[in-house]
């Protein structure tokens, strides 16, 4: 019995030694926080071999800044970092306050960027190699448990060389550059991109310009690239809807057409393009699209007459009848 208790005591100490950070989540990963100097938009992107990394690493608020908290994650760094920025603290001051107050600082990695483009980053002395960061004007890149010590340098290089791209696409390019250098030594599983406005509008739903997550996927960056393209296409759709609301039919046709060009196989984009063409009297052009949509999914045909009452389809009764009989 004595030896049994000794073994149990030894094992409990060993297990405790393997998990000294309580219930705090792990997110050994690479990330970038950055600002577009022309638009003022701020963003954070991250990838890791960990499930749903975007739920704990990436934080941001329009008119305030963005935060990436990783390694043995202290999730409080996200909201608390943003609160400190809102109080008027610089990125550097906010980071120093957070790190100083955290007993687990040696295993933390943290990056903060404020609305003026000031960045600050920290890599704890016990972060798993390879680990490091680079601070710059309007950006910071950071990584831990990497396959190579060239990862964060590659991210910086990519970000600086893609200034012509929108911020979300620049962030994604930096992530792809990191992956080419080996990325997370364990592999890849999840990714996230968050972009917020440089100045808050007062409407939270308008302030988050891009908010995408790939929570569990064998190639998360490839999937993120596809999803980001879908996001851009639906931006055109949303703009088309707004143009319809304002009576700018020609502009709406252009927006719907742009979306359709990006995803020609998407029936919804094609359908609303057809509806808009019909509403502006371009029935022959609309017919071509309606036929293609209806022949692939008759639910769109069933939906069509329901658009008349709310004024979304404004064709004559004879034109409606013709549309509804385009396919047998």
Protein backbone atom coordinates (compact mmCIF):
# COMPACT_ATOMS: atom_id res chain seq x y z
CA UNK A 1 0.00 0.00 0.00
CA UNK A 2 2.88 2.33 0.86
CA UNK A 3 4.48 1.86 -2.58
CA UNK A 4 1.11 2.34 -4.29
CA UNK A 5 0.66 5.72 -2.60
CA UNK A 6 4.17 6.76 -3.60
CA UNK A 7 3.45 5.89 -7.24
CA UNK A 8 0.15 7.80 -7.17
CA UNK A 9 1.87 10.82 -5.64
CA UNK A 10 4.61 10.70 -8.28
CA UNK A 11 2.13 10.44 -11.14
CA UNK A 12 0.00 13.28 -9.82
CA UNK A 13 3.05 15.54 -9.63
CA UNK A 14 4.05 14.54 -13.15
CA UNK A 15 0.59 15.21 -14.56
CA UNK A 16 0.40 18.52 -12.77
CA UNK A 17 3.78 19.44 -14.21
CA UNK A 18 2.42 18.83 -17.70
CA UNK A 19 -0.49 21.21 -17.20
CA UNK A 20 0.70 24.13 -15.05
CA UNK A 21 -1.59 26.63 -16.69
CA UNK A 22 -4.91 25.33 -15.43
CA UNK A 23 -7.78 25.50 -17.88
CA UNK A 24 -6.19 28.04 -20.18
CA UNK A 25 -6.41 27.00 -23.86
CA UNK A 26 -3.42 26.32 -26.05
CA UNK A 27 -3.01 28.08 -29.37
CA UNK A 28 0.51 27.53 -30.61
CA UNK A 29 0.26 29.40 -33.83
CA UNK A 30 1.28 32.24 -36.10
CA UNK A 31 -0.59 35.49 -36.55
CA UNK A 32 -0.44 39.02 -37.87
CA UNK A 33 -2.02 42.24 -36.62
CA UNK A 34 -1.99 45.05 -39.15
CA UNK A 35 -3.46 48.33 -40.34
CA UNK A 36 -4.09 49.66 -43.85
CA UNK A 37 -2.50 53.11 -43.79
CA UNK A 38 -4.76 54.33 -46.62
CA UNK A 39 -8.17 53.23 -45.28
CA UNK A 40 -7.38 53.01 -41.57
CA UNK A 41 -8.85 49.49 -41.47
CA UNK A 42 -7.29 47.18 -38.89
CA UNK A 43 -7.13 43.41 -38.95
CA UNK A 44 -5.83 40.26 -37.34
CA UNK A 45 -5.30 36.87 -38.98
CA UNK A 46 -4.23 33.59 -37.45
CA UNK A 47 -3.68 29.94 -38.30
CA UNK A 48 -2.96 27.00 -35.99
CA UNK A 49 -3.08 23.24 -35.59
CA UNK A 50 -5.84 23.74 -33.04
CA UNK A 51 -9.62 23.69 -33.28
CA UNK A 52 -11.40 27.03 -33.85
CA UNK A 53 -8.35 29.19 -33.21
CA UNK A 54 -10.23 32.37 -34.13
CA UNK A 55 -12.47 32.13 -31.07
CA UNK A 56 -9.63 32.75 -28.62
CA UNK A 57 -6.71 34.39 -30.46
CA UNK A 58 -8.17 37.22 -32.54
CA UNK A 59 -9.84 40.32 -31.09
CA UNK A 60 -10.69 43.68 -32.61
CA UNK A 61 -12.89 46.75 -32.34
CA UNK A 62 -13.43 49.53 -34.87
CA UNK A 63 -11.80 52.81 -33.91
CA UNK A 64 -9.82 51.05 -31.17
CA UNK A 65 -7.40 48.37 -32.36
CA UNK A 66 -6.74 44.65 -32.72
CA UNK A 67 -5.16 42.01 -30.49
CA UNK A 68 -3.68 38.54 -30.99
CA UNK A 69 -3.18 36.49 -27.82
CA UNK A 70 -1.57 33.07 -28.31
CA UNK A 71 0.83 30.32 -27.17
CA UNK A 72 -0.57 29.25 -23.76
CA UNK A 73 -3.40 31.71 -24.27
CA UNK A 74 -4.57 34.21 -21.72
CA UNK A 75 -7.98 34.98 -23.29
CA UNK A 76 -8.42 38.03 -21.03
CA UNK A 77 -5.65 39.77 -22.98
CA UNK A 78 -8.15 40.26 -25.84
CA UNK A 79 -10.95 42.25 -24.19
CA UNK A 80 -8.64 43.80 -21.59
CA UNK A 81 -6.22 44.94 -24.26
CA UNK A 82 -9.01 46.62 -26.19
CA UNK A 83 -10.28 48.27 -23.00
CA UNK A 84 -6.84 49.71 -22.29
CA UNK A 85 -6.66 51.10 -25.84
CA UNK A 86 -10.09 52.69 -25.37
CA UNK A 87 -8.75 54.38 -22.25
CA UNK A 88 -6.14 56.06 -24.42
CA UNK A 89 -3.21 53.77 -23.77
CA UNK A 90 -0.82 53.14 -26.64
CA UNK A 91 -0.27 49.62 -27.94
CA UNK A 92 3.06 49.46 -26.09
CA UNK A 93 1.63 50.69 -22.80
CA UNK A 94 -1.33 48.32 -23.01
CA UNK A 95 0.94 45.35 -23.71
CA UNK A 96 3.28 46.19 -20.84
CA UNK A 97 0.36 46.46 -18.39
CA UNK A 98 -1.06 43.10 -19.45
CA UNK A 99 2.25 41.25 -19.39
CA UNK A 100 3.32 42.72 -16.06
CA UNK A 101 0.07 41.62 -14.42
CA UNK A 102 0.28 38.01 -15.67
CA UNK A 103 2.20 35.40 -13.68
CA UNK A 104 2.21 33.14 -16.75
CA UNK A 105 3.98 35.75 -18.88
CA UNK A 106 6.89 33.44 -19.73
CA UNK A 107 4.66 31.20 -21.84
CA UNK A 108 2.55 33.94 -23.41
CA UNK A 109 2.75 35.54 -26.82
CA UNK A 110 0.85 38.76 -27.40
CA UNK A 111 0.55 41.40 -30.12
CA UNK A 112 -1.43 44.65 -30.01
CA UNK A 113 -1.99 47.28 -32.68
CA UNK A 114 -3.82 50.54 -32.02
CA UNK A 115 -5.89 52.70 -34.37
CA UNK A 116 -2.86 54.89 -35.15
CA UNK A 117 -0.86 51.95 -36.44
CA UNK A 118 1.40 51.63 -33.40
CA UNK A 119 2.27 47.99 -32.73
CA UNK A 120 3.74 46.12 -29.79
CA UNK A 121 4.52 42.43 -29.37
CA UNK A 122 5.85 40.10 -26.71
CA UNK A 123 7.22 36.56 -26.83
CA UNK A 124 7.72 34.83 -23.49
CA UNK A 125 11.06 33.21 -22.74
CA UNK A 126 9.42 29.78 -22.41
CA UNK A 127 7.40 29.86 -25.63
CA UNK A 128 8.10 26.69 -27.59
CA UNK A 129 10.71 27.04 -30.34
CA UNK A 130 10.78 28.26 -32.89
CA UNK A 131 9.17 31.41 -31.54
CA UNK A 132 9.57 35.11 -32.20
CA UNK A 133 8.01 38.32 -33.46
CA UNK A 134 8.72 41.45 -35.50
CA UNK A 135 7.15 44.83 -34.77
CA UNK A 136 6.73 47.40 -37.51
CA UNK A 137 4.77 50.51 -38.39
CA UNK A 138 1.18 49.40 -39.00
CA UNK A 139 1.91 45.71 -38.34
CA UNK A 140 3.33 43.05 -36.10
CA UNK A 141 3.95 39.39 -36.95
CA UNK A 142 4.43 36.67 -34.32
CA UNK A 143 4.70 32.90 -34.15
CA UNK A 144 5.51 30.07 -31.76
CA UNK A 145 6.06 26.30 -32.08
CA UNK A 146 7.03 26.79 -35.71
CA UNK A 147 8.79 24.38 -38.02
CA UNK A 148 11.29 27.10 -38.94
CA UNK A 149 12.59 30.36 -37.47
CA UNK A 150 12.01 32.03 -40.86
CA UNK A 151 8.20 32.01 -40.49
CA UNK A 152 7.61 35.45 -39.02
CA UNK A 153 10.17 37.08 -41.30
CA UNK A 154 8.36 35.66 -44.31
CA UNK A 155 5.09 37.08 -43.00
CA UNK A 156 6.59 40.53 -42.65
CA UNK A 157 8.08 40.41 -46.14
CA UNK A 158 4.76 39.37 -47.67
CA UNK A 159 2.81 42.08 -45.88
CA UNK A 160 5.21 44.81 -46.97
CA UNK A 161 5.20 43.61 -50.59
CA UNK A 162 1.39 43.41 -51.03
CA UNK A 163 0.41 47.00 -50.30
CA UNK A 164 -1.83 47.15 -53.37
CA UNK A 165 -4.22 44.52 -51.99
CA UNK A 166 -7.17 45.06 -49.63
CA UNK A 167 -6.20 44.43 -46.01
CA UNK A 168 -7.91 41.03 -45.67
CA UNK A 169 -6.12 39.74 -48.76
CA UNK A 170 -2.79 41.08 -47.44
CA UNK A 171 -3.32 39.27 -44.16
CA UNK A 172 -4.11 36.05 -45.99
CA UNK A 173 -1.03 36.42 -48.19
CA UNK A 174 1.12 36.81 -45.07
CA UNK A 175 -0.38 33.64 -43.64
CA UNK A 176 0.29 31.76 -46.85
CA UNK A 177 3.90 32.97 -46.78
CA UNK A 178 4.23 31.59 -43.25
CA UNK A 179 2.87 28.23 -44.32
CA UNK A 180 5.36 28.03 -47.17
CA UNK A 181 8.12 28.28 -44.56
CA UNK A 182 6.68 25.29 -42.71
CA UNK A 183 4.17 27.00 -40.45
CA UNK A 184 3.07 25.25 -37.26
CA UNK A 185 5.33 22.22 -36.75
CA UNK A 186 2.24 20.10 -35.91
CA UNK A 187 0.46 20.95 -39.15
CA UNK A 188 -2.67 22.98 -39.80
CA UNK A 189 -6.31 22.85 -38.72
CA UNK A 190 -8.02 26.23 -38.33
CA UNK A 191 -7.70 29.86 -39.39
CA UNK A 192 -9.44 33.20 -38.94
CA UNK A 193 -9.44 36.71 -40.41
CA UNK A 194 -11.01 39.73 -38.72
CA UNK A 195 -11.01 43.23 -40.24
CA UNK A 196 -12.63 46.25 -38.57
CA UNK A 197 -13.06 49.87 -39.60
CA UNK A 198 -10.52 52.47 -38.62
CA UNK A 199 -13.32 54.60 -37.19
CA UNK A 200 -16.44 53.25 -35.55
CA UNK A 201 -19.81 54.02 -37.15
CA UNK A 202 -21.81 53.36 -34.01
CA UNK A 203 -23.35 50.31 -35.69
CA UNK A 204 -21.51 47.15 -34.70
CA UNK A 205 -22.84 45.26 -37.72
CA UNK A 206 -21.22 47.80 -40.02
CA UNK A 207 -17.91 48.00 -38.18
CA UNK A 208 -16.78 44.41 -38.82
CA UNK A 209 -15.87 44.41 -42.49
CA UNK A 210 -14.54 40.85 -42.63
CA UNK A 211 -15.16 38.22 -39.96
CA UNK A 212 -14.35 34.75 -41.29
CA UNK A 213 -13.34 31.54 -39.55
CA UNK A 214 -12.35 28.09 -40.72
CA UNK A 215 -12.70 26.06 -37.54
CA UNK A 216 -11.65 22.57 -38.66
CA UNK A 217 -10.24 21.82 -42.11
CA UNK A 218 -7.27 19.89 -43.57
CA UNK A 219 -6.19 22.97 -45.57
CA UNK A 220 -7.62 25.96 -43.70
CA UNK A 221 -5.78 28.68 -45.63
CA UNK A 222 -6.89 27.29 -48.98
CA UNK A 223 -10.45 27.16 -47.69
CA UNK A 224 -10.11 30.68 -46.25
CA UNK A 225 -9.02 31.94 -49.66
CA UNK A 226 -12.16 30.45 -51.19
CA UNK A 227 -14.42 31.82 -48.45
CA UNK A 228 -12.86 35.29 -48.72
CA UNK A 229 -13.64 35.29 -52.44
CA UNK A 230 -17.24 34.30 -51.65
CA UNK A 231 -17.33 37.14 -49.12
CA UNK A 232 -16.21 39.63 -51.77
CA UNK A 233 -18.82 38.33 -54.21
CA UNK A 234 -21.59 38.76 -51.66
CA UNK A 235 -20.35 42.28 -50.98
CA UNK A 236 -21.36 42.99 -54.57
CA UNK A 237 -24.70 41.31 -53.92
CA UNK A 238 -25.30 43.45 -50.84
CA UNK A 239 -24.36 46.59 -52.76
CA UNK A 240 -26.79 45.54 -55.49
CA UNK A 241 -29.55 45.21 -52.91
CA UNK A 242 -28.80 48.70 -51.60
CA UNK A 243 -28.87 50.13 -55.11
CA UNK A 244 -32.28 48.51 -55.61
CA UNK A 245 -33.52 50.16 -52.40
CA UNK A 246 -32.37 53.52 -53.71
CA UNK A 247 -33.84 52.97 -57.15
CA UNK A 248 -30.47 52.79 -58.90
CA UNK A 249 -31.33 49.86 -61.14
CA UNK A 250 -28.42 50.16 -63.55
CA UNK A 251 -25.95 50.23 -60.67
CA UNK A 252 -27.66 47.19 -59.15
CA UNK A 253 -27.29 45.30 -62.43
CA UNK A 254 -23.57 46.06 -62.44
CA UNK A 255 -23.14 44.84 -58.85
CA UNK A 256 -25.09 41.63 -59.39
CA UNK A 257 -23.19 41.03 -62.60
CA UNK A 258 -19.87 41.48 -60.82
CA UNK A 259 -20.88 38.92 -58.20
CA UNK A 260 -21.99 36.46 -60.86
CA UNK A 261 -18.70 36.80 -62.71
CA UNK A 262 -16.84 35.80 -59.55
CA UNK A 263 -19.04 32.74 -58.96
CA UNK A 264 -20.84 31.84 -62.20
CA UNK A 265 -22.00 28.53 -60.71
CA UNK A 266 -23.85 30.23 -57.85
CA UNK A 267 -27.58 30.06 -58.68
CA UNK A 268 -28.66 32.73 -56.22
CA UNK A 269 -26.34 35.33 -57.69
CA UNK A 270 -27.51 34.42 -61.17
CA UNK A 271 -31.17 34.52 -60.09
CA UNK A 272 -31.11 38.01 -58.58
CA UNK A 273 -29.17 39.26 -61.57
CA UNK A 274 -32.00 37.92 -63.74
CA UNK A 275 -34.66 39.55 -61.55
CA UNK A 276 -32.92 42.90 -61.80
CA UNK A 277 -32.59 42.63 -65.58
CA UNK A 278 -36.30 41.83 -65.83
CA UNK A 279 -37.17 44.83 -63.66
CA UNK A 280 -35.31 47.20 -65.99
CA UNK A 281 -37.00 45.80 -69.07
CA UNK A 282 -34.18 43.59 -70.28
CA UNK A 283 -36.45 40.56 -70.46
CA UNK A 284 -34.53 38.74 -73.19
CA UNK A 285 -31.31 38.93 -71.17
CA UNK A 286 -33.16 37.89 -68.02
CA UNK A 287 -34.73 34.89 -69.75
CA UNK A 288 -31.35 33.35 -70.45
CA UNK A 289 -30.43 33.45 -66.77
CA UNK A 290 -33.87 32.37 -65.54
CA UNK A 291 -33.78 29.29 -67.77
CA UNK A 292 -30.37 28.29 -66.47
CA UNK A 293 -31.45 28.71 -62.85
CA UNK A 294 -34.88 27.10 -63.14
CA UNK A 295 -33.54 24.09 -65.01
CA UNK A 296 -31.15 23.35 -62.16
CA UNK A 297 -33.46 24.06 -59.23
CA UNK A 298 -37.23 24.52 -59.62
CA UNK A 299 -37.52 26.08 -56.17
CA UNK A 300 -36.37 29.34 -57.73
CA UNK A 301 -39.27 29.07 -60.18
CA UNK A 302 -41.67 28.56 -57.27
CA UNK A 303 -40.21 31.58 -55.51
CA UNK A 304 -40.54 33.95 -58.47
CA UNK A 305 -44.26 34.90 -58.27
CA UNK A 306 -43.86 35.52 -54.54
CA UNK A 307 -41.57 38.46 -55.33
CA UNK A 308 -44.38 40.47 -56.91
CA UNK A 309 -46.28 41.45 -53.75
CA UNK A 310 -43.26 42.95 -51.91
CA UNK A 311 -42.25 44.76 -55.11
CA UNK A 312 -39.04 42.84 -55.73
CA UNK A 313 -40.25 41.78 -59.17
CA UNK A 314 -42.03 44.55 -61.09
CA UNK A 315 -42.78 42.95 -64.47
CA UNK A 316 -46.21 42.96 -66.10
CA UNK A 317 -48.62 40.03 -65.71
CA UNK A 318 -47.87 38.82 -69.22
CA UNK A 319 -44.12 39.02 -68.63
CA UNK A 320 -44.50 37.13 -65.36
CA UNK A 321 -46.50 34.44 -67.10
CA UNK A 322 -43.82 34.15 -69.75
CA UNK A 323 -41.09 33.82 -67.10
CA UNK A 324 -43.01 31.13 -65.24
CA UNK A 325 -43.34 29.09 -68.43
CA UNK A 326 -39.75 29.23 -69.54
CA UNK A 327 -39.26 25.56 -68.70
CA UNK A 328 -41.72 22.68 -68.81
